[in-house]
Protein backbone atom coordinates (compact mmCIF):
# COMPACT_ATOMS: atom_id res chain seq x y z
CA MET A 1 17.48 3.46 8.11
CA ARG A 2 16.84 3.43 4.38
CA LEU A 3 14.13 5.65 2.94
CA THR A 4 12.57 2.63 1.26
CA THR A 5 12.47 0.77 4.57
CA ILE A 6 10.59 3.66 6.11
CA MET A 7 8.24 3.80 3.12
CA GLY A 8 7.78 0.03 3.27
CA TRP A 9 6.76 0.27 6.92
CA LEU A 10 4.35 3.08 6.04
CA VAL A 11 2.70 0.79 3.48
CA VAL A 12 2.30 -1.89 6.15
CA LEU A 13 1.00 0.49 8.80
CA ALA A 14 -1.40 2.25 6.42
CA GLY A 15 -2.88 -1.08 5.35
CA PHE A 16 -3.47 -2.15 8.92
CA TYR A 17 -4.83 1.27 9.88
CA PHE A 18 -7.31 1.50 7.02
CA GLY A 19 -8.28 -2.16 7.20
CA LEU A 20 -8.96 -2.05 10.93
CA SER A 21 -10.76 1.28 10.59
CA TYR A 22 -13.26 -0.29 8.18
CA LEU A 23 -13.72 -3.38 10.32
CA LEU A 24 -14.11 -1.49 13.60
CA ASN A 25 -15.80 1.75 12.48
CA GLY A 26 -17.06 1.28 8.93
CA ASP A 27 -19.30 4.35 8.86
CA GLY A 28 -16.56 6.64 10.15
CA ALA A 29 -13.95 5.19 7.82
CA ALA A 30 -16.32 5.31 4.85
CA ALA A 31 -16.87 9.04 5.34
CA GLY A 32 -13.13 9.58 4.85
CA PHE A 33 -13.03 7.28 1.82
CA GLY A 34 -15.18 9.55 -0.33
CA ILE A 35 -18.03 7.35 -1.59
CA ALA A 36 -21.41 8.92 -0.86
CA ASP A 37 -23.25 5.62 -0.18
CA PRO A 38 -20.70 3.07 1.03
CA THR A 39 -23.12 0.53 2.50
CA GLY A 40 -22.00 -3.03 2.15
CA TYR A 41 -18.32 -2.79 1.41
CA TYR A 42 -16.80 -2.28 4.87
CA VAL A 43 -15.72 -5.86 5.48
CA VAL A 44 -14.42 -6.28 1.93
CA LYS A 45 -12.36 -3.10 2.17
CA GLY A 46 -11.08 -3.92 5.65
CA VAL A 47 -10.01 -7.44 4.81
CA ARG A 48 -8.40 -6.27 1.55
CA ASP A 49 -6.26 -3.68 3.31
CA ILE A 50 -5.23 -6.06 6.10
CA ALA A 51 -4.28 -8.78 3.59
CA TYR A 52 -2.18 -6.31 1.62
CA ALA A 53 -0.50 -5.09 4.81
CA LEU A 54 0.28 -8.64 5.92
CA THR A 55 1.78 -9.48 2.54
CA ALA A 56 4.00 -6.41 2.63
CA LEU A 57 4.92 -7.07 6.27
CA ILE A 58 5.99 -10.66 5.57
CA LEU A 59 8.19 -9.63 2.66
CA LEU A 60 9.66 -6.69 4.59
CA LEU A 61 10.50 -8.83 7.64
CA MET A 62 12.02 -11.56 5.45
CA GLY A 63 14.24 -9.00 3.73
CA GLN A 64 12.68 -9.77 0.35
CA ARG A 65 12.92 -6.18 -0.84
CA ARG A 66 12.72 -6.92 -4.58
CA ALA A 67 9.68 -9.16 -4.07
CA LEU A 68 8.17 -6.42 -1.92
CA GLY A 69 8.74 -3.96 -4.76
CA TRP A 70 6.84 -6.21 -7.17
CA VAL A 71 3.99 -6.74 -4.70
CA VAL A 72 3.74 -3.01 -4.02
CA LEU A 73 3.73 -2.34 -7.76
CA ALA A 74 1.01 -4.95 -8.35
CA ASP A 75 -1.07 -3.64 -5.48
CA SER A 76 -0.86 -0.06 -6.74
CA ILE A 77 -4.07 -1.02 -8.51
CA ILE A 78 -5.83 -0.68 -5.16
CA PRO A 79 -5.54 3.12 -4.77
CA ILE A 80 -6.01 3.54 -8.54
CA GLY A 81 -9.25 1.54 -8.31
CA ASP A 82 -10.28 3.48 -5.21
CA CYS A 83 -9.76 6.74 -7.09
CA ILE A 84 -11.94 5.53 -9.94
CA ALA A 85 -14.59 4.23 -7.53
CA VAL A 86 -14.86 7.60 -5.79
CA MET A 87 -15.15 9.48 -9.09
CA THR A 88 -17.84 7.13 -10.41
CA HIS A 89 -19.92 6.75 -7.24
CA GLY A 90 -20.79 10.22 -6.03
CA GLY A 91 -17.44 11.58 -4.90
CA THR A 92 -15.69 14.56 -6.41
CA VAL A 93 -12.78 14.30 -8.82
CA GLY A 94 -10.76 16.65 -6.61
CA TYR A 95 -11.26 14.51 -3.53
CA ALA A 96 -10.56 11.30 -5.44
CA LEU A 97 -7.30 12.65 -6.80
CA ALA A 98 -6.22 14.31 -3.54
CA VAL A 99 -6.78 11.22 -1.40
CA HIS A 100 -6.55 8.17 -3.64
CA GLY A 101 -4.58 9.59 -6.55
CA SER A 102 -1.87 10.84 -4.19
CA ALA A 103 -1.81 7.44 -2.46
CA ALA A 104 -1.37 5.75 -5.85
CA VAL A 105 1.54 8.04 -6.67
CA LEU A 106 3.24 7.30 -3.32
CA VAL A 107 2.73 3.55 -3.76
CA LEU A 108 4.16 3.68 -7.29
CA ILE A 109 7.16 5.71 -6.09
CA THR A 110 7.76 3.21 -3.29
CA ALA A 111 7.59 0.32 -5.77
CA ALA A 112 9.98 2.05 -8.16
CA LEU A 113 12.50 2.78 -5.40
CA LEU A 114 12.35 -0.78 -4.10
CA LEU A 115 12.78 -2.23 -7.58
CA ARG A 116 15.73 0.06 -8.33
CA GLU A 117 17.66 -0.99 -5.24
CA THR A 118 20.70 -3.11 -5.79
CA ALA A 119 21.65 -5.85 -3.38
CA PRO A 120 24.42 -4.86 -0.98
CA ALA A 121 27.81 -6.14 -2.06
CA ARG A 122 28.72 -9.38 -0.35
CA PRO A 123 32.30 -9.79 0.73
CA HIS A 124 34.11 -12.42 -1.29
CA ALA A 125 35.58 -15.29 0.68
CA ALA A 126 39.35 -15.23 0.66
CA GLN A 127 40.61 -17.77 -1.83
CA ALA A 128 43.18 -20.26 -0.60
CA HIS A 129 46.37 -20.23 -2.68
C-alpha cells in the first residue's frame, strides 16, 4: 500500500473521529482542543470535520488522488485556523503548535505528496500493422 494511501485514510479517519467526538461528547472533545471556553462551537466543529472527512473519503474511493491532494491542500486551513484560534482564545502557544500546528504540517505534507504523484503508466494498446 502506498504511503499516501495510508495518509489519505488517516485524514478520513481523523476527520470522522474528531467530528463525531464533538457531536457525541463536546465537553470532552473541547478539553482536548485547547480553547478555554469552547461553549457553542461543538456542532459547528463536528459537522466541519465530518464534511471534510466525507469529501476526502469520496475522492479516495474514486481514485481521484490529484483532486484529493488539492482538497487536502485547501483544507489545510482548518488546522492552521485551529492553531490560531487556540492561541487567541486562552490556549497556550505551545499547545496550539504541538496539537494543531503539527496537524497542519502533516496535512500539508500529505497534500504535497499527493500532488507530486504521477499517474501510473498505462500500457499502450498494440498497434495493428
